[in-house]
């Protein structure tokens, strides 16, 4: 999951570099390139791309595409760290959905850890005037859709190969993006093409590691590691986009990391307890 978070952070940087391109066009290139890579990998490993749980694969693809599209809108119109911070509310939605739909047991104390991380997000957001209410609601939509997508991936555990899950998500995203491009297409420059290519590559790597992580551990525990993406966003924001932060921003990062580490510790402790029971 840490590998997935890092690759997604690199993807975010590349997307920020092409903010002048319509977000759904970026979605198309993101998914199309990752789709091609996944297709080649499946062909080499002789894996059937069709899958057996088509309804779940469709739901995962639709929810994932909506999450990506809405996230790209905020990513292109907000400072990098701010956009990522709002989107990383997704583990809260993930945990709630996992309890309601998958029936996963979430220890009450883990909600406290999530609350600590959520408090960090509130501190990071602060009084940022760049966040309008419509953009904030779009960011919340992205987080909610991400939470749903993570749970669909979890439901597919043991039913579909991770590559099949990744392939179907990229397929739906590419088809949706192509439909939008028929009405609004921006011709990318050579440098734009390089960034779009990297977006696709980092997307594939991130999705592959994300799927493996979600199918190998309780969704509420694994998804909490997503908060590390906020740290990457701050680092890249400073080094690449010359963004400036206050002491409250760093306090928020500390709170987020505290919540994440406590949640991870609880997950490992619970796993050991189950194994020795």
C-alpha atoms as a PDB file:
ATOM      1  CA  UNK A   1       0.000   0.000   0.000  1.00  0.00           C
ATOM      2  CA  UNK A   2       2.945   2.326   0.659  1.00  0.00           C
ATOM      3  CA  UNK A   3       4.221   1.605  -2.852  1.00  0.00           C
ATOM      4  CA  UNK A   4       0.772   2.330  -4.294  1.00  0.00           C
ATOM      5  CA  UNK A   5       0.571   5.630  -2.421  1.00  0.00           C
ATOM      6  CA  UNK A   6       3.984   6.720  -3.700  1.00  0.00           C
ATOM      7  CA  UNK A   7       3.158   5.958  -7.342  1.00  0.00           C
ATOM      8  CA  UNK A   8      -0.152   7.796  -7.052  1.00  0.00           C
ATOM      9  CA  UNK A   9       1.709  10.787  -5.614  1.00  0.00           C
ATOM     10  CA  UNK A  10       3.945  10.855  -8.702  1.00  0.00           C
ATOM     11  CA  UNK A  11       0.829  10.576 -10.847  1.00  0.00           C
ATOM     12  CA  UNK A  12      -0.668  13.615  -9.091  1.00  0.00           C
ATOM     13  CA  UNK A  13       2.417  15.678  -9.881  1.00  0.00           C
ATOM     14  CA  UNK A  14       2.169  14.815 -13.579  1.00  0.00           C
ATOM     15  CA  UNK A  15      -1.550  15.655 -13.651  1.00  0.00           C
ATOM     16  CA  UNK A  16      -0.856  18.996 -12.012  1.00  0.00           C
ATOM     17  CA  UNK A  17       1.613  19.710 -14.812  1.00  0.00           C
ATOM     18  CA  UNK A  18      -1.175  19.401 -17.412  1.00  0.00           C
ATOM     19  CA  UNK A  19      -3.821  21.496 -15.652  1.00  0.00           C
ATOM     20  CA  UNK A  20      -4.689  23.158 -18.966  1.00  0.00           C
ATOM     21  CA  UNK A  21      -6.007  19.872 -20.387  1.00  0.00           C
ATOM     22  CA  UNK A  22      -9.675  18.918 -19.689  1.00  0.00           C
ATOM     23  CA  UNK A  23      -9.794  16.504 -16.723  1.00  0.00           C
ATOM     24  CA  UNK A  24     -11.774  13.827 -18.588  1.00  0.00           C
ATOM     25  CA  UNK A  25      -9.179  13.856 -21.357  1.00  0.00           C
ATOM     26  CA  UNK A  26      -6.534  13.195 -18.710  1.00  0.00           C
ATOM     27  CA  UNK A  27      -8.730  10.380 -17.394  1.00  0.00           C
ATOM     28  CA  UNK A  28      -8.738   8.841 -20.879  1.00  0.00           C
ATOM     29  CA  UNK A  29      -4.952   8.888 -21.285  1.00  0.00           C
ATOM     30  CA  UNK A  30      -4.477   7.744 -17.694  1.00  0.00           C
ATOM     31  CA  UNK A  31      -6.734   4.741 -18.184  1.00  0.00           C
ATOM     32  CA  UNK A  32      -5.833   3.938 -21.793  1.00  0.00           C
ATOM     33  CA  UNK A  33      -2.097   3.656 -21.108  1.00  0.00           C
ATOM     34  CA  UNK A  34      -2.649   1.655 -17.928  1.00  0.00           C
ATOM     35  CA  UNK A  35      -5.131  -0.518 -19.845  1.00  0.00           C
ATOM     36  CA  UNK A  36      -2.530  -1.328 -22.490  1.00  0.00           C
ATOM     37  CA  UNK A  37       0.077  -2.249 -19.863  1.00  0.00           C
ATOM     38  CA  UNK A  38      -2.399  -4.416 -17.962  1.00  0.00           C
ATOM     39  CA  UNK A  39      -3.500  -6.096 -21.197  1.00  0.00           C
ATOM     40  CA  UNK A  40       0.064  -7.016 -22.140  1.00  0.00           C
ATOM     41  CA  UNK A  41       0.751  -8.321 -18.628  1.00  0.00           C
ATOM     42  CA  UNK A  42      -2.376 -10.478 -18.731  1.00  0.00           C
ATOM     43  CA  UNK A  43      -1.476 -11.850 -22.154  1.00  0.00           C
ATOM     44  CA  UNK A  44       2.012 -12.808 -20.985  1.00  0.00           C
ATOM     45  CA  UNK A  45       0.604 -14.505 -17.887  1.00  0.00           C
ATOM     46  CA  UNK A  46      -2.247 -16.045 -19.947  1.00  0.00           C
ATOM     47  CA  UNK A  47      -4.984 -14.560 -17.768  1.00  0.00           C
ATOM     48  CA  UNK A  48      -8.523 -14.296 -19.156  1.00  0.00           C
ATOM     49  CA  UNK A  49      -9.483 -10.599 -19.141  1.00  0.00           C
ATOM     50  CA  UNK A  50     -13.266 -11.133 -19.186  1.00  0.00           C
ATOM     51  CA  UNK A  51     -13.577 -12.239 -15.574  1.00  0.00           C
ATOM     52  CA  UNK A  52     -16.465 -13.981 -13.857  1.00  0.00           C
ATOM     53  CA  UNK A  53     -17.789 -11.330 -11.445  1.00  0.00           C
ATOM     54  CA  UNK A  54     -18.775  -8.862 -14.145  1.00  0.00           C
ATOM     55  CA  UNK A  55     -21.318  -6.914 -12.092  1.00  0.00           C
ATOM     56  CA  UNK A  56     -18.812  -6.245  -9.330  1.00  0.00           C
ATOM     57  CA  UNK A  57     -16.137  -5.402 -11.886  1.00  0.00           C
ATOM     58  CA  UNK A  58     -18.509  -2.921 -13.521  1.00  0.00           C
ATOM     59  CA  UNK A  59     -19.377  -1.302 -10.188  1.00  0.00           C
ATOM     60  CA  UNK A  60     -15.689  -1.064  -9.290  1.00  0.00           C
ATOM     61  CA  UNK A  61     -14.949   0.521 -12.659  1.00  0.00           C
ATOM     62  CA  UNK A  62     -17.775   3.060 -12.511  1.00  0.00           C
ATOM     63  CA  UNK A  63     -17.087   4.133  -8.925  1.00  0.00           C
ATOM     64  CA  UNK A  64     -13.367   4.319  -9.647  1.00  0.00           C
ATOM     65  CA  UNK A  65     -13.868   6.404 -12.786  1.00  0.00           C
ATOM     66  CA  UNK A  66     -16.125   8.872 -10.946  1.00  0.00           C
ATOM     67  CA  UNK A  67     -13.579   9.125  -8.143  1.00  0.00           C
ATOM     68  CA  UNK A  68     -10.736   9.811 -10.566  1.00  0.00           C
ATOM     69  CA  UNK A  69     -12.660  12.367 -12.624  1.00  0.00           C
ATOM     70  CA  UNK A  70     -13.820  14.418  -9.636  1.00  0.00           C
ATOM     71  CA  UNK A  71     -10.371  14.224  -8.064  1.00  0.00           C
ATOM     72  CA  UNK A  72      -8.713  15.493 -11.238  1.00  0.00           C
ATOM     73  CA  UNK A  73     -11.034  18.512 -11.224  1.00  0.00           C
ATOM     74  CA  UNK A  74      -9.919  19.498  -7.721  1.00  0.00           C
ATOM     75  CA  UNK A  75      -6.306  18.615  -8.464  1.00  0.00           C
ATOM     76  CA  UNK A  76      -6.200  20.976 -11.423  1.00  0.00           C
ATOM     77  CA  UNK A  77      -7.996  23.856  -9.682  1.00  0.00           C
ATOM     78  CA  UNK A  78      -6.503  23.737  -6.185  1.00  0.00           C
ATOM     79  CA  UNK A  79      -2.995  23.700  -4.700  1.00  0.00           C
ATOM     80  CA  UNK A  80      -1.599  20.151  -4.843  1.00  0.00           C
ATOM     81  CA  UNK A  81      -1.595  19.496  -1.103  1.00  0.00           C
ATOM     82  CA  UNK A  82      -5.083  20.948  -0.616  1.00  0.00           C
ATOM     83  CA  UNK A  83      -6.660  18.791  -3.330  1.00  0.00           C
ATOM     84  CA  UNK A  84      -4.954  15.641  -2.080  1.00  0.00           C
ATOM     85  CA  UNK A  85      -5.894  16.431   1.514  1.00  0.00           C
ATOM     86  CA  UNK A  86      -9.627  16.628   0.740  1.00  0.00           C
ATOM     87  CA  UNK A  87      -9.571  13.468  -1.375  1.00  0.00           C
ATOM     88  CA  UNK A  88      -7.879  11.581   1.441  1.00  0.00           C
ATOM     89  CA  UNK A  89     -11.061  11.668   3.441  1.00  0.00           C
ATOM     90  CA  UNK A  90     -11.789   8.440   1.528  1.00  0.00           C
ATOM     91  CA  UNK A  91     -10.613   6.018   4.270  1.00  0.00           C
ATOM     92  CA  UNK A  92     -13.359   7.369   6.526  1.00  0.00           C
ATOM     93  CA  UNK A  93     -15.969   6.536   3.881  1.00  0.00           C
ATOM     94  CA  UNK A  94     -14.192   3.242   3.209  1.00  0.00           C
ATOM     95  CA  UNK A  95     -14.474   2.180   6.826  1.00  0.00           C
ATOM     96  CA  UNK A  96     -18.142   3.120   7.082  1.00  0.00           C
ATOM     97  CA  UNK A  97     -19.036   1.307   3.850  1.00  0.00           C
ATOM     98  CA  UNK A  98     -17.004  -1.751   4.882  1.00  0.00           C
ATOM     99  CA  UNK A  99     -18.967  -1.992   8.107  1.00  0.00           C
ATOM    100  CA  UNK A 100     -22.340  -1.532   6.424  1.00  0.00           C
ATOM    101  CA  UNK A 101     -21.857  -3.665   3.293  1.00  0.00           C
ATOM    102  CA  UNK A 102     -19.032  -6.146   3.975  1.00  0.00           C
ATOM    103  CA  UNK A 103     -19.864  -6.566   7.635  1.00  0.00           C
ATOM    104  CA  UNK A 104     -16.221  -6.124   8.622  1.00  0.00           C
ATOM    105  CA  UNK A 105     -15.635  -5.593  12.312  1.00  0.00           C
ATOM    106  CA  UNK A 106     -13.980  -2.256  12.994  1.00  0.00           C
ATOM    107  CA  UNK A 107     -12.758  -1.858  16.603  1.00  0.00           C
ATOM    108  CA  UNK A 108     -14.226   1.242  18.196  1.00  0.00           C
ATOM    109  CA  UNK A 109     -10.804   2.570  19.077  1.00  0.00           C
ATOM    110  CA  UNK A 110      -9.883   2.621  15.381  1.00  0.00           C
ATOM    111  CA  UNK A 111     -12.545   5.256  14.835  1.00  0.00           C
ATOM    112  CA  UNK A 112     -10.631   7.363  17.333  1.00  0.00           C
ATOM    113  CA  UNK A 113      -7.482   6.948  15.237  1.00  0.00           C
ATOM    114  CA  UNK A 114      -9.380   7.954  12.122  1.00  0.00           C
ATOM    115  CA  UNK A 115     -10.681  10.954  14.031  1.00  0.00           C
ATOM    116  CA  UNK A 116      -7.107  11.978  14.842  1.00  0.00           C
ATOM    117  CA  UNK A 117      -6.205  11.833  11.146  1.00  0.00           C
ATOM    118  CA  UNK A 118      -9.414  13.645  10.243  1.00  0.00           C
ATOM    119  CA  UNK A 119      -8.513  16.378  12.723  1.00  0.00           C
ATOM    120  CA  UNK A 120      -5.208  16.681  10.891  1.00  0.00           C
ATOM    121  CA  UNK A 121      -7.075  17.180   7.624  1.00  0.00           C
ATOM    122  CA  UNK A 122      -9.168  19.934   9.207  1.00  0.00           C
ATOM    123  CA  UNK A 123      -6.018  21.662  10.444  1.00  0.00           C
ATOM    124  CA  UNK A 124      -4.413  21.382   7.008  1.00  0.00           C
ATOM    125  CA  UNK A 125      -7.464  22.819   5.307  1.00  0.00           C
ATOM    126  CA  UNK A 126      -7.646  25.698   7.739  1.00  0.00           C
ATOM    127  CA  UNK A 127      -9.040  28.826   6.184  1.00  0.00           C
ATOM    128  CA  UNK A 128      -7.808  28.208   2.646  1.00  0.00           C
ATOM    129  CA  UNK A 129      -9.781  30.657   0.510  1.00  0.00           C
ATOM    130  CA  UNK A 130      -8.880  28.733  -2.651  1.00  0.00           C
ATOM    131  CA  UNK A 131     -11.447  26.087  -1.679  1.00  0.00           C
ATOM    132  CA  UNK A 132     -14.916  27.103  -2.856  1.00  0.00           C
ATOM    133  CA  UNK A 133     -17.953  25.158  -1.686  1.00  0.00           C
ATOM    134  CA  UNK A 134     -18.591  23.560  -5.125  1.00  0.00           C
ATOM    135  CA  UNK A 135     -14.969  22.405  -5.319  1.00  0.00           C
ATOM    136  CA  UNK A 136     -15.129  21.105  -1.757  1.00  0.00           C
ATOM    137  CA  UNK A 137     -18.288  19.112  -2.564  1.00  0.00           C
ATOM    138  CA  UNK A 138     -16.602  17.724  -5.676  1.00  0.00           C
ATOM    139  CA  UNK A 139     -13.696  16.658  -3.477  1.00  0.00           C
ATOM    140  CA  UNK A 140     -16.071  14.951  -1.043  1.00  0.00           C
ATOM    141  CA  UNK A 141     -17.698  13.146  -3.973  1.00  0.00           C
ATOM    142  CA  UNK A 142     -14.301  11.870  -5.026  1.00  0.00           C
ATOM    143  CA  UNK A 143     -13.594  10.612  -1.507  1.00  0.00           C
ATOM    144  CA  UNK A 144     -16.969   8.875  -1.281  1.00  0.00           C
ATOM    145  CA  UNK A 145     -16.554   7.172  -4.668  1.00  0.00           C
ATOM    146  CA  UNK A 146     -13.044   6.075  -3.719  1.00  0.00           C
ATOM    147  CA  UNK A 147     -14.398   4.510  -0.543  1.00  0.00           C
ATOM    148  CA  UNK A 148     -16.981   2.589  -2.563  1.00  0.00           C
ATOM    149  CA  UNK A 149     -14.367   1.485  -5.108  1.00  0.00           C
ATOM    150  CA  UNK A 150     -12.043   0.158  -2.385  1.00  0.00           C
ATOM    151  CA  UNK A 151     -14.837  -1.953  -0.972  1.00  0.00           C
ATOM    152  CA  UNK A 152     -15.712  -3.419  -4.359  1.00  0.00           C
ATOM    153  CA  UNK A 153     -12.059  -4.404  -4.739  1.00  0.00           C
ATOM    154  CA  UNK A 154     -12.188  -6.018  -1.320  1.00  0.00           C
ATOM    155  CA  UNK A 155     -15.358  -7.919  -2.284  1.00  0.00           C
ATOM    156  CA  UNK A 156     -13.560  -9.295  -5.349  1.00  0.00           C
ATOM    157  CA  UNK A 157     -10.859 -10.864  -3.178  1.00  0.00           C
ATOM    158  CA  UNK A 158     -10.347 -14.483  -4.141  1.00  0.00           C
ATOM    159  CA  UNK A 159     -12.823 -14.125  -7.009  1.00  0.00           C
ATOM    160  CA  UNK A 160     -10.731 -12.259  -9.564  1.00  0.00           C
ATOM    161  CA  UNK A 161      -7.042 -11.904 -10.335  1.00  0.00           C
ATOM    162  CA  UNK A 162      -5.777  -8.409  -9.340  1.00  0.00           C
ATOM    163  CA  UNK A 163      -4.812  -7.766 -12.967  1.00  0.00           C
ATOM    164  CA  UNK A 164      -8.386  -8.463 -14.089  1.00  0.00           C
ATOM    165  CA  UNK A 165      -9.714  -5.955 -11.558  1.00  0.00           C
ATOM    166  CA  UNK A 166      -7.211  -3.329 -12.699  1.00  0.00           C
ATOM    167  CA  UNK A 167      -7.946  -4.045 -16.377  1.00  0.00           C
ATOM    168  CA  UNK A 168     -11.714  -3.559 -16.071  1.00  0.00           C
ATOM    169  CA  UNK A 169     -11.326  -0.307 -14.145  1.00  0.00           C
ATOM    170  CA  UNK A 170      -9.020   1.119 -16.811  1.00  0.00           C
ATOM    171  CA  UNK A 171     -11.316  -0.161 -19.587  1.00  0.00           C
ATOM    172  CA  UNK A 172     -14.361   1.650 -18.204  1.00  0.00           C
ATOM    173  CA  UNK A 173     -12.340   4.796 -17.562  1.00  0.00           C
ATOM    174  CA  UNK A 174     -10.878   4.800 -21.077  1.00  0.00           C
ATOM    175  CA  UNK A 175     -14.284   4.313 -22.731  1.00  0.00           C
ATOM    176  CA  UNK A 176     -15.861   7.065 -20.618  1.00  0.00           C
ATOM    177  CA  UNK A 177     -12.981   9.440 -21.285  1.00  0.00           C
ATOM    178  CA  UNK A 178     -13.131   8.769 -25.018  1.00  0.00           C
ATOM    179  CA  UNK A 179     -16.832   9.646 -25.118  1.00  0.00           C
ATOM    180  CA  UNK A 180     -16.169  12.989 -23.429  1.00  0.00           C
ATOM    181  CA  UNK A 181     -13.226  13.715 -25.727  1.00  0.00           C
ATOM    182  CA  UNK A 182     -15.510  13.583 -28.760  1.00  0.00           C
ATOM    183  CA  UNK A 183     -16.970  16.905 -27.568  1.00  0.00           C
ATOM    184  CA  UNK A 184     -13.985  18.535 -25.859  1.00  0.00           C
ATOM    185  CA  UNK A 185     -10.482  17.630 -27.029  1.00  0.00           C
ATOM    186  CA  UNK A 186      -7.277  19.585 -26.386  1.00  0.00           C
ATOM    187  CA  UNK A 187      -4.307  18.657 -28.591  1.00  0.00           C
ATOM    188  CA  UNK A 188      -1.394  17.914 -26.213  1.00  0.00           C
ATOM    189  CA  UNK A 189       2.108  19.252 -26.844  1.00  0.00           C
ATOM    190  CA  UNK A 190       5.168  17.011 -26.813  1.00  0.00           C
ATOM    191  CA  UNK A 191       5.798  17.755 -23.131  1.00  0.00           C
ATOM    192  CA  UNK A 192       2.125  17.204 -22.349  1.00  0.00           C
ATOM    193  CA  UNK A 193       2.395  13.799 -24.019  1.00  0.00           C
ATOM    194  CA  UNK A 194       5.346  12.868 -21.807  1.00  0.00           C
ATOM    195  CA  UNK A 195       3.420  13.762 -18.667  1.00  0.00           C
ATOM    196  CA  UNK A 196       0.326  11.903 -19.872  1.00  0.00           C
ATOM    197  CA  UNK A 197       2.442   8.827 -20.580  1.00  0.00           C
ATOM    198  CA  UNK A 198       3.904   8.970 -17.075  1.00  0.00           C
ATOM    199  CA  UNK A 199       0.400   9.382 -15.651  1.00  0.00           C
ATOM    200  CA  UNK A 200      -0.589   6.094 -17.284  1.00  0.00           C
ATOM    201  CA  UNK A 201       2.524   4.236 -16.113  1.00  0.00           C
ATOM    202  CA  UNK A 202       2.285   5.469 -12.520  1.00  0.00           C
ATOM    203  CA  UNK A 203      -1.437   4.719 -12.554  1.00  0.00           C
ATOM    204  CA  UNK A 204      -0.877   1.101 -13.551  1.00  0.00           C
ATOM    205  CA  UNK A 205       1.776   0.555 -10.879  1.00  0.00           C
ATOM    206  CA  UNK A 206      -0.325   2.285  -8.235  1.00  0.00           C
ATOM    207  CA  UNK A 207      -3.487   0.360  -9.105  1.00  0.00           C
ATOM    208  CA  UNK A 208      -1.678  -2.977  -9.127  1.00  0.00           C
ATOM    209  CA  UNK A 209      -0.166  -2.487  -5.674  1.00  0.00           C
ATOM    210  CA  UNK A 210      -3.421  -0.993  -4.375  1.00  0.00           C
ATOM    211  CA  UNK A 211      -5.445  -4.003  -5.511  1.00  0.00           C
ATOM    212  CA  UNK A 212      -2.974  -6.465  -3.992  1.00  0.00           C
ATOM    213  CA  UNK A 213      -3.012  -4.566  -0.697  1.00  0.00           C
ATOM    214  CA  UNK A 214      -6.810  -4.339  -0.477  1.00  0.00           C
ATOM    215  CA  UNK A 215      -7.197  -8.037  -1.232  1.00  0.00           C
ATOM    216  CA  UNK A 216      -4.588  -9.009   1.337  1.00  0.00           C
ATOM    217  CA  UNK A 217      -5.701  -7.102   4.437  1.00  0.00           C
ATOM    218  CA  UNK A 218      -8.782  -5.603   6.112  1.00  0.00           C
ATOM    219  CA  UNK A 219      -9.883  -2.682   3.985  1.00  0.00           C
ATOM    220  CA  UNK A 220     -10.213  -0.233   6.870  1.00  0.00           C
ATOM    221  CA  UNK A 221      -6.623  -0.819   7.996  1.00  0.00           C
ATOM    222  CA  UNK A 222      -4.987  -0.800   4.571  1.00  0.00           C
ATOM    223  CA  UNK A 223      -6.828   2.230   3.222  1.00  0.00           C
ATOM    224  CA  UNK A 224      -5.695   4.338   6.176  1.00  0.00           C
ATOM    225  CA  UNK A 225      -2.152   4.239   4.782  1.00  0.00           C
ATOM    226  CA  UNK A 226      -3.518   6.455   2.023  1.00  0.00           C
ATOM    227  CA  UNK A 227      -2.979   9.375   4.383  1.00  0.00           C
ATOM    228  CA  UNK A 228       0.734   9.191   3.613  1.00  0.00           C
ATOM    229  CA  UNK A 229      -0.146  10.617   0.220  1.00  0.00           C
ATOM    230  CA  UNK A 230      -0.764  13.955   1.937  1.00  0.00           C
ATOM    231  CA  UNK A 231       2.839  13.984   3.112  1.00  0.00           C
ATOM    232  CA  UNK A 232       4.059  13.303  -0.429  1.00  0.00           C
ATOM    233  CA  UNK A 233       1.814  16.126  -1.693  1.00  0.00           C
ATOM    234  CA  UNK A 234       3.369  18.605   0.720  1.00  0.00           C
ATOM    235  CA  UNK A 235       6.893  17.563  -0.196  1.00  0.00           C
ATOM    236  CA  UNK A 236       6.248  17.763  -3.943  1.00  0.00           C
ATOM    237  CA  UNK A 237       4.288  20.975  -3.496  1.00  0.00           C
ATOM    238  CA  UNK A 238       7.315  22.617  -1.906  1.00  0.00           C
ATOM    239  CA  UNK A 239       9.981  21.192  -4.215  1.00  0.00           C
ATOM    240  CA  UNK A 240       8.157  21.345  -7.547  1.00  0.00           C
ATOM    241  CA  UNK A 241       5.327  23.879  -7.321  1.00  0.00           C
ATOM    242  CA  UNK A 242       6.901  26.274  -4.810  1.00  0.00           C
ATOM    243  CA  UNK A 243       3.913  26.086  -2.466  1.00  0.00           C
ATOM    244  CA  UNK A 244       4.310  27.535   1.018  1.00  0.00           C
ATOM    245  CA  UNK A 245       2.921  26.147   4.261  1.00  0.00           C
ATOM    246  CA  UNK A 246       2.455  27.347   7.823  1.00  0.00           C
ATOM    247  CA  UNK A 247       3.065  25.731  11.197  1.00  0.00           C
ATOM    248  CA  UNK A 248      -0.588  24.602  11.172  1.00  0.00           C
ATOM    249  CA  UNK A 249       0.042  22.693   7.948  1.00  0.00           C
ATOM    250  CA  UNK A 250       2.877  20.756   9.566  1.00  0.00           C
ATOM    251  CA  UNK A 251       0.777  20.182  12.679  1.00  0.00           C
ATOM    252  CA  UNK A 252      -1.872  18.663  10.444  1.00  0.00           C
ATOM    253  CA  UNK A 253       0.674  16.323   8.859  1.00  0.00           C
ATOM    254  CA  UNK A 254       1.793  15.206  12.338  1.00  0.00           C
ATOM    255  CA  UNK A 255      -1.791  14.431  13.344  1.00  0.00           C
ATOM    256  CA  UNK A 256      -2.388  12.486  10.148  1.00  0.00           C
ATOM    257  CA  UNK A 257       0.751  10.393  10.583  1.00  0.00           C
ATOM    258  CA  UNK A 258      -0.153   9.706  14.214  1.00  0.00           C
ATOM    259  CA  UNK A 259      -3.572   8.408  13.245  1.00  0.00           C
ATOM    260  CA  UNK A 260      -2.130   6.283  10.432  1.00  0.00           C
ATOM    261  CA  UNK A 261       0.597   4.686  12.533  1.00  0.00           C
ATOM    262  CA  UNK A 262      -1.795   3.898  15.376  1.00  0.00           C
ATOM    263  CA  UNK A 263      -4.246   2.371  12.909  1.00  0.00           C
ATOM    264  CA  UNK A 264      -1.518   0.231  11.328  1.00  0.00           C
ATOM    265  CA  UNK A 265      -0.370  -0.919  14.778  1.00  0.00           C
ATOM    266  CA  UNK A 266      -3.922  -1.872  15.696  1.00  0.00           C
ATOM    267  CA  UNK A 267      -4.295  -3.822  12.448  1.00  0.00           C
ATOM    268  CA  UNK A 268      -1.114  -5.817  13.035  1.00  0.00           C
ATOM    269  CA  UNK A 269      -2.092  -6.486  16.630  1.00  0.00           C
ATOM    270  CA  UNK A 270      -5.533  -7.707  15.538  1.00  0.00           C
ATOM    271  CA  UNK A 271      -3.955  -9.964  12.869  1.00  0.00           C
ATOM    272  CA  UNK A 272      -1.605 -11.543  15.397  1.00  0.00           C
ATOM    273  CA  UNK A 273      -4.495 -12.043  17.815  1.00  0.00           C
ATOM    274  CA  UNK A 274      -6.596 -13.772  15.142  1.00  0.00           C
ATOM    275  CA  UNK A 275      -3.676 -15.998  14.119  1.00  0.00           C
ATOM    276  CA  UNK A 276      -3.057 -17.200  17.664  1.00  0.00           C
ATOM    277  CA  UNK A 277      -6.707 -17.622  18.619  1.00  0.00           C
END
